[in-house]
Each structure stands twice: as structure tokens, then as C-alpha cells.
């Protein structure tokens, strides 16, 4: 799912992020920290698959009447 097709809910908007296999934990943590600091995203769920892929769902409060914050790049 691309960031442009994130599924909004009443209070939050969600976006999936895929972290490829072979990415170490420190690099993944830094990537997610940057999304949190500069995009206003917070961690919703993390799934670690058998092949080493991490599928992360980020969320942030929906804003009305303001310029939207950027979505994370996949």
C-alpha cells in the first residue's frame, strides 16, 4: 500500500511502512524515529515476518484546517 492510499479513520490516519530484510534494529529504529520527529507519526503496530521483513504501521492524529504533514517514504 502506498502512502497516498493510507486508510484514514475518524481520529487517526495510518500509513504502512515496509522495512526490508537484512536491516538491523538500530537502522530501523533510526528510520522510525525520523518519521516520528519530522512527520508527527507514532508507532501503531510492528510485524516481523519469517523472511526478516518488518511491516510497520504508523499513525498520527488527523489535522483539520492545517497544511498536512508529509507522509513517510517507503
PDB file of N, CA and C in Angstrom:
ATOM      1  N   UNK A   1       0.850  -1.166   0.000  1.00  0.00           N
ATOM      2  CA  UNK A   1       0.000   0.000   0.000  1.00  0.00           C
ATOM      3  C   UNK A   1       0.900   1.233   0.000  1.00  0.00           C
ATOM      4  N   UNK A   2       0.618   2.164  -0.835  1.00  0.00           N
ATOM      5  CA  UNK A   2       1.435   3.371  -0.902  1.00  0.00           C
ATOM      6  C   UNK A   2       0.920   4.406   0.080  1.00  0.00           C
ATOM      7  N   UNK A   3       1.751   5.394   0.443  1.00  0.00           N
ATOM      8  CA  UNK A   3       1.313   6.410   1.391  1.00  0.00           C
ATOM      9  C   UNK A   3       0.075   7.169   0.928  1.00  0.00           C
ATOM     10  N   UNK A   4      -0.119   7.304  -0.372  1.00  0.00           N
ATOM     11  CA  UNK A   4      -1.282   8.036  -0.862  1.00  0.00           C
ATOM     12  C   UNK A   4      -2.580   7.274  -0.637  1.00  0.00           C
ATOM     13  N   UNK A   5      -2.492   5.988  -0.324  1.00  0.00           N
ATOM     14  CA  UNK A   5      -3.692   5.201  -0.078  1.00  0.00           C
ATOM     15  C   UNK A   5      -3.818   4.827   1.392  1.00  0.00           C
ATOM     16  N   UNK A   6      -3.245   5.634   2.270  1.00  0.00           N
ATOM     17  CA  UNK A   6      -3.375   5.372   3.697  1.00  0.00           C
ATOM     18  C   UNK A   6      -4.847   5.405   4.077  1.00  0.00           C
ATOM     19  N   UNK A   7      -5.220   4.581   5.022  1.00  0.00           N
ATOM     20  CA  UNK A   7      -6.611   4.465   5.401  1.00  0.00           C
ATOM     21  C   UNK A   7      -6.910   5.387   6.583  1.00  0.00           C
ATOM     22  N   UNK A   8      -7.655   6.463   6.363  1.00  0.00           N
ATOM     23  CA  UNK A   8      -7.969   7.359   7.462  1.00  0.00           C
ATOM     24  C   UNK A   8      -9.109   6.810   8.329  1.00  0.00           C
ATOM     25  N   UNK A   9      -9.087   7.149   9.590  1.00  0.00           N
ATOM     26  CA  UNK A   9     -10.204   6.872  10.483  1.00  0.00           C
ATOM     27  C   UNK A   9     -10.653   8.210  11.026  1.00  0.00           C
ATOM     28  N   UNK A  10     -11.592   8.209  11.943  1.00  0.00           N
ATOM     29  CA  UNK A  10     -12.121   9.461  12.449  1.00  0.00           C
ATOM     30  C   UNK A  10     -11.064  10.284  13.176  1.00  0.00           C
ATOM     31  N   UNK A  11     -10.224   9.644  13.992  1.00  0.00           N
ATOM     32  CA  UNK A  11      -9.262  10.383  14.798  1.00  0.00           C
ATOM     33  C   UNK A  11      -7.826  10.267  14.305  1.00  0.00           C
ATOM     34  N   UNK A  12      -7.497   9.185  13.637  1.00  0.00           N
ATOM     35  CA  UNK A  12      -6.124   8.944  13.211  1.00  0.00           C
ATOM     36  C   UNK A  12      -6.069   8.639  11.730  1.00  0.00           C
ATOM     37  N   UNK A  13      -4.913   8.892  11.139  1.00  0.00           N
ATOM     38  CA  UNK A  13      -4.629   8.388   9.802  1.00  0.00           C
ATOM     39  C   UNK A  13      -3.461   7.429   9.939  1.00  0.00           C
ATOM     40  N   UNK A  14      -3.471   6.403   9.113  1.00  0.00           N
ATOM     41  CA  UNK A  14      -2.482   5.332   9.198  1.00  0.00           C
ATOM     42  C   UNK A  14      -1.732   5.214   7.885  1.00  0.00           C
ATOM     43  N   UNK A  15      -0.481   4.776   7.987  1.00  0.00           N
ATOM     44  CA  UNK A  15       0.315   4.523   6.791  1.00  0.00           C
ATOM     45  C   UNK A  15       1.235   3.330   7.058  1.00  0.00           C
ATOM     46  N   UNK A  16       1.303   2.395   6.097  1.00  0.00           N
ATOM     47  CA  UNK A  16       2.200   1.251   6.267  1.00  0.00           C
ATOM     48  C   UNK A  16       3.614   1.594   5.809  1.00  0.00           C
ATOM     49  N   UNK A  17       4.587   1.016   6.479  1.00  0.00           N
ATOM     50  CA  UNK A  17       5.994   1.164   6.107  1.00  0.00           C
ATOM     51  C   UNK A  17       6.599  -0.233   6.110  1.00  0.00           C
ATOM     52  N   UNK A  18       7.303  -0.576   5.038  1.00  0.00           N
ATOM     53  CA  UNK A  18       7.958  -1.884   4.943  1.00  0.00           C
ATOM     54  C   UNK A  18       9.445  -1.673   5.140  1.00  0.00           C
ATOM     55  N   UNK A  19      10.014  -2.405   6.080  1.00  0.00           N
ATOM     56  CA  UNK A  19      11.456  -2.363   6.326  1.00  0.00           C
ATOM     57  C   UNK A  19      12.022  -3.684   5.813  1.00  0.00           C
ATOM     58  N   UNK A  20      12.910  -3.616   4.821  1.00  0.00           N
ATOM     59  CA  UNK A  20      13.373  -4.840   4.153  1.00  0.00           C
ATOM     60  C   UNK A  20      14.185  -5.762   5.062  1.00  0.00           C
ATOM     61  N   UNK A  21      14.250  -7.044   4.706  1.00  0.00           N
ATOM     62  CA  UNK A  21      15.064  -7.982   5.483  1.00  0.00           C
ATOM     63  C   UNK A  21      16.525  -7.569   5.416  1.00  0.00           C
ATOM     64  N   UNK A  22      17.257  -7.880   6.451  1.00  0.00           N
ATOM     65  CA  UNK A  22      18.668  -7.520   6.496  1.00  0.00           C
ATOM     66  C   UNK A  22      18.926  -6.166   7.125  1.00  0.00           C
ATOM     67  N   UNK A  23      17.870  -5.390   7.375  1.00  0.00           N
ATOM     68  CA  UNK A  23      18.019  -4.101   8.043  1.00  0.00           C
ATOM     69  C   UNK A  23      18.164  -4.369   9.539  1.00  0.00           C
ATOM     70  N   UNK A  24      19.246  -3.871  10.127  1.00  0.00           N
ATOM     71  CA  UNK A  24      19.428  -4.133  11.556  1.00  0.00           C
ATOM     72  C   UNK A  24      18.482  -3.279  12.397  1.00  0.00           C
ATOM     73  N   UNK A  25      18.359  -3.635  13.647  1.00  0.00           N
ATOM     74  CA  UNK A  25      17.404  -2.966  14.541  1.00  0.00           C
ATOM     75  C   UNK A  25      17.718  -1.498  14.741  1.00  0.00           C
ATOM     76  N   UNK A  26      18.997  -1.175  14.811  1.00  0.00           N
ATOM     77  CA  UNK A  26      19.383   0.222  15.035  1.00  0.00           C
ATOM     78  C   UNK A  26      18.968   1.082  13.845  1.00  0.00           C
ATOM     79  N   UNK A  27      19.209   0.599  12.635  1.00  0.00           N
ATOM     80  CA  UNK A  27      18.834   1.343  11.436  1.00  0.00           C
ATOM     81  C   UNK A  27      17.316   1.502  11.348  1.00  0.00           C
ATOM     82  N   UNK A  28      16.591   0.436  11.653  1.00  0.00           N
ATOM     83  CA  UNK A  28      15.129   0.507  11.644  1.00  0.00           C
ATOM     84  C   UNK A  28      14.632   1.504  12.691  1.00  0.00           C
ATOM     85  N   UNK A  29      15.226   1.497  13.859  1.00  0.00           N
ATOM     86  CA  UNK A  29      14.820   2.422  14.922  1.00  0.00           C
ATOM     87  C   UNK A  29      15.093   3.869  14.525  1.00  0.00           C
ATOM     88  N   UNK A  30      16.224   4.119  13.879  1.00  0.00           N
ATOM     89  CA  UNK A  30      16.546   5.479  13.433  1.00  0.00           C
ATOM     90  C   UNK A  30      15.549   5.932  12.374  1.00  0.00           C
ATOM     91  N   UNK A  31      15.229   5.061  11.426  1.00  0.00           N
ATOM     92  CA  UNK A  31      14.275   5.398  10.382  1.00  0.00           C
ATOM     93  C   UNK A  31      12.918   5.764  10.980  1.00  0.00           C
ATOM     94  N   UNK A  32      12.443   4.954  11.916  1.00  0.00           N
ATOM     95  CA  UNK A  32      11.147   5.221  12.538  1.00  0.00           C
ATOM     96  C   UNK A  32      11.191   6.470  13.419  1.00  0.00           C
ATOM     97  N   UNK A  33      12.328   6.723  14.061  1.00  0.00           N
ATOM     98  CA  UNK A  33      12.475   7.934  14.875  1.00  0.00           C
ATOM     99  C   UNK A  33      12.391   9.185  14.017  1.00  0.00           C
ATOM    100  N   UNK A  34      12.975   9.136  12.833  1.00  0.00           N
ATOM    101  CA  UNK A  34      12.902  10.284  11.924  1.00  0.00           C
ATOM    102  C   UNK A  34      11.470  10.549  11.470  1.00  0.00           C
ATOM    103  N   UNK A  35      10.720   9.481  11.188  1.00  0.00           N
ATOM    104  CA  UNK A  35       9.310   9.654  10.834  1.00  0.00           C
ATOM    105  C   UNK A  35       8.544  10.287  11.995  1.00  0.00           C
ATOM    106  N   UNK A  36       8.865   9.868  13.200  1.00  0.00           N
ATOM    107  CA  UNK A  36       8.169  10.400  14.376  1.00  0.00           C
ATOM    108  C   UNK A  36       8.523  11.869  14.612  1.00  0.00           C
ATOM    109  N   UNK A  37       9.798  12.187  14.516  1.00  0.00           N
ATOM    110  CA  UNK A  37      10.239  13.544  14.831  1.00  0.00           C
ATOM    111  C   UNK A  37       9.802  14.562  13.784  1.00  0.00           C
ATOM    112  N   UNK A  38       9.954  14.228  12.520  1.00  0.00           N
ATOM    113  CA  UNK A  38       9.700  15.204  11.470  1.00  0.00           C
ATOM    114  C   UNK A  38       8.331  15.092  10.819  1.00  0.00           C
ATOM    115  N   UNK A  39       7.662  13.961  10.970  1.00  0.00           N
ATOM    116  CA  UNK A  39       6.363  13.794  10.343  1.00  0.00           C
ATOM    117  C   UNK A  39       5.210  13.719  11.322  1.00  0.00           C
ATOM    118  N   UNK A  40       5.510  13.644  12.601  1.00  0.00           N
ATOM    119  CA  UNK A  40       4.449  13.566  13.594  1.00  0.00           C
ATOM    120  C   UNK A  40       3.835  12.179  13.725  1.00  0.00           C
ATOM    121  N   UNK A  41       4.500  11.152  13.206  1.00  0.00           N
ATOM    122  CA  UNK A  41       3.977   9.793  13.246  1.00  0.00           C
ATOM    123  C   UNK A  41       4.363   9.106  14.545  1.00  0.00           C
ATOM    124  N   UNK A  42       3.533   8.167  14.972  1.00  0.00           N
ATOM    125  CA  UNK A  42       3.849   7.318  16.119  1.00  0.00           C
ATOM    126  C   UNK A  42       3.629   5.868  15.712  1.00  0.00           C
ATOM    127  N   UNK A  43       4.261   4.979  16.429  1.00  0.00           N
ATOM    128  CA  UNK A  43       4.204   3.556  16.121  1.00  0.00           C
ATOM    129  C   UNK A  43       2.850   2.985  16.514  1.00  0.00           C
ATOM    130  N   UNK A  44       2.216   2.287  15.601  1.00  0.00           N
ATOM    131  CA  UNK A  44       0.948   1.633  15.889  1.00  0.00           C
ATOM    132  C   UNK A  44       1.154   0.125  16.028  1.00  0.00           C
ATOM    133  N   UNK A  45       1.712  -0.508  15.003  1.00  0.00           N
ATOM    134  CA  UNK A  45       1.992  -1.945  15.064  1.00  0.00           C
ATOM    135  C   UNK A  45       3.294  -2.273  14.350  1.00  0.00           C
ATOM    136  N   UNK A  46       3.910  -3.376  14.758  1.00  0.00           N
ATOM    137  CA  UNK A  46       5.090  -3.913  14.079  1.00  0.00           C
ATOM    138  C   UNK A  46       4.887  -5.401  13.938  1.00  0.00           C
ATOM    139  N   UNK A  47       5.122  -5.908  12.726  1.00  0.00           N
ATOM    140  CA  UNK A  47       5.054  -7.344  12.489  1.00  0.00           C
ATOM    141  C   UNK A  47       6.359  -7.776  11.854  1.00  0.00           C
ATOM    142  N   UNK A  48       6.991  -8.758  12.452  1.00  0.00           N
ATOM    143  CA  UNK A  48       8.225  -9.323  11.922  1.00  0.00           C
ATOM    144  C   UNK A  48       7.871 -10.638  11.242  1.00  0.00           C
ATOM    145  N   UNK A  49       8.166 -10.724   9.951  1.00  0.00           N
ATOM    146  CA  UNK A  49       7.841 -11.913   9.181  1.00  0.00           C
ATOM    147  C   UNK A  49       9.032 -12.866   9.150  1.00  0.00           C
ATOM    148  N   UNK A  50       8.756 -14.108   8.771  1.00  0.00           N
ATOM    149  CA  UNK A  50       9.781 -15.160   8.782  1.00  0.00           C
ATOM    150  C   UNK A  50      10.969 -14.824   7.875  1.00  0.00           C
ATOM    151  N   UNK A  51      10.731 -14.077   6.801  1.00  0.00           N
ATOM    152  CA  UNK A  51      11.825 -13.727   5.885  1.00  0.00           C
ATOM    153  C   UNK A  51      12.649 -12.536   6.377  1.00  0.00           C
ATOM    154  N   UNK A  52      12.292 -11.978   7.520  1.00  0.00           N
ATOM    155  CA  UNK A  52      13.036 -10.856   8.084  1.00  0.00           C
ATOM    156  C   UNK A  52      12.445  -9.496   7.773  1.00  0.00           C
ATOM    157  N   UNK A  53      11.404  -9.447   6.961  1.00  0.00           N
ATOM    158  CA  UNK A  53      10.736  -8.190   6.635  1.00  0.00           C
ATOM    159  C   UNK A  53       9.937  -7.711   7.843  1.00  0.00           C
ATOM    160  N   UNK A  54      10.039  -6.427   8.121  1.00  0.00           N
ATOM    161  CA  UNK A  54       9.205  -5.825   9.165  1.00  0.00           C
ATOM    162  C   UNK A  54       8.124  -5.010   8.477  1.00  0.00           C
ATOM    163  N   UNK A  55       6.891  -5.229   8.857  1.00  0.00           N
ATOM    164  CA  UNK A  55       5.792  -4.416   8.356  1.00  0.00           C
ATOM    165  C   UNK A  55       5.293  -3.586   9.524  1.00  0.00           C
ATOM    166  N   UNK A  56       5.482  -2.293   9.395  1.00  0.00           N
ATOM    167  CA  UNK A  56       5.187  -1.343  10.463  1.00  0.00           C
ATOM    168  C   UNK A  56       3.999  -0.497  10.036  1.00  0.00           C
ATOM    169  N   UNK A  57       3.108  -0.213  10.965  1.00  0.00           N
ATOM    170  CA  UNK A  57       2.022   0.720  10.717  1.00  0.00           C
ATOM    171  C   UNK A  57       2.241   1.922  11.620  1.00  0.00           C
ATOM    172  N   UNK A  58       2.283   3.100  11.000  1.00  0.00           N
ATOM    173  CA  UNK A  58       2.437   4.348  11.741  1.00  0.00           C
ATOM    174  C   UNK A  58       1.097   5.064  11.759  1.00  0.00           C
ATOM    175  N   UNK A  59       0.878   5.845  12.800  1.00  0.00           N
ATOM    176  CA  UNK A  59      -0.357   6.618  12.872  1.00  0.00           C
ATOM    177  C   UNK A  59      -0.047   8.011  13.394  1.00  0.00           C
ATOM    178  N   UNK A  60      -0.957   8.937  13.097  1.00  0.00           N
ATOM    179  CA  UNK A  60      -0.886  10.289  13.655  1.00  0.00           C
ATOM    180  C   UNK A  60      -2.294  10.849  13.691  1.00  0.00           C
ATOM    181  N   UNK A  61      -2.487  11.782  14.561  1.00  0.00           N
ATOM    182  CA  UNK A  61      -3.795  12.414  14.681  1.00  0.00           C
ATOM    183  C   UNK A  61      -4.104  13.167  13.402  1.00  0.00           C
ATOM    184  N   UNK A  62      -5.339  13.079  12.980  1.00  0.00           N
ATOM    185  CA  UNK A  62      -5.766  13.826  11.797  1.00  0.00           C
ATOM    186  C   UNK A  62      -5.832  15.300  12.145  1.00  0.00           C
ATOM    187  N   UNK A  63      -5.420  16.107  11.213  1.00  0.00           N
ATOM    188  CA  UNK A  63      -5.474  17.544  11.409  1.00  0.00           C
ATOM    189  C   UNK A  63      -6.486  18.138  10.437  1.00  0.00           C
ATOM    190  N   UNK A  64      -7.234  19.114  10.897  1.00  0.00           N
ATOM    191  CA  UNK A  64      -8.196  19.778  10.031  1.00  0.00           C
ATOM    192  C   UNK A  64      -7.840  21.250   9.938  1.00  0.00           C
ATOM    193  N   UNK A  65      -7.930  21.771   8.744  1.00  0.00           N
ATOM    194  CA  UNK A  65      -7.692  23.190   8.548  1.00  0.00           C
ATOM    195  C   UNK A  65      -6.230  23.595   8.509  1.00  0.00           C
ATOM    196  N   UNK A  66      -5.322  22.638   8.585  1.00  0.00           N
ATOM    197  CA  UNK A  66      -3.897  22.945   8.521  1.00  0.00           C
ATOM    198  C   UNK A  66      -3.277  22.236   7.329  1.00  0.00           C
ATOM    199  N   UNK A  67      -2.104  22.681   6.956  1.00  0.00           N
ATOM    200  CA  UNK A  67      -1.371  22.025   5.885  1.00  0.00           C
ATOM    201  C   UNK A  67      -0.961  20.644   6.384  1.00  0.00           C
ATOM    202  N   UNK A  68      -1.248  19.586   5.612  1.00  0.00           N
ATOM    203  CA  UNK A  68      -0.902  18.234   6.091  1.00  0.00           C
ATOM    204  C   UNK A  68       0.603  18.029   6.185  1.00  0.00           C
ATOM    205  N   UNK A  69       1.001  17.239   7.172  1.00  0.00           N
ATOM    206  CA  UNK A  69       2.407  16.888   7.339  1.00  0.00           C
ATOM    207  C   UNK A  69       2.784  15.873   6.264  1.00  0.00           C
ATOM    208  N   UNK A  70       4.050  15.781   5.913  1.00  0.00           N
ATOM    209  CA  UNK A  70       4.466  14.828   4.885  1.00  0.00           C
ATOM    210  C   UNK A  70       4.315  13.388   5.363  1.00  0.00           C
ATOM    211  N   UNK A  71       4.055  12.500   4.425  1.00  0.00           N
ATOM    212  CA  UNK A  71       3.957  11.075   4.719  1.00  0.00           C
ATOM    213  C   UNK A  71       5.335  10.451   4.557  1.00  0.00           C
ATOM    214  N   UNK A  72       5.621   9.383   5.291  1.00  0.00           N
ATOM    215  CA  UNK A  72       6.924   8.743   5.149  1.00  0.00           C
ATOM    216  C   UNK A  72       7.099   8.089   3.786  1.00  0.00           C
ATOM    217  N   UNK A  73       8.302   8.128   3.303  1.00  0.00           N
ATOM    218  CA  UNK A  73       8.614   7.453   2.037  1.00  0.00           C
ATOM    219  C   UNK A  73       8.782   5.969   2.296  1.00  0.00           C
ATOM    220  N   UNK A  74       8.358   5.179   1.364  1.00  0.00           N
ATOM    221  CA  UNK A  74       8.519   3.733   1.527  1.00  0.00           C
ATOM    222  C   UNK A  74       9.859   3.408   1.037  1.00  0.00           C
TER     223      UNK A  74
END
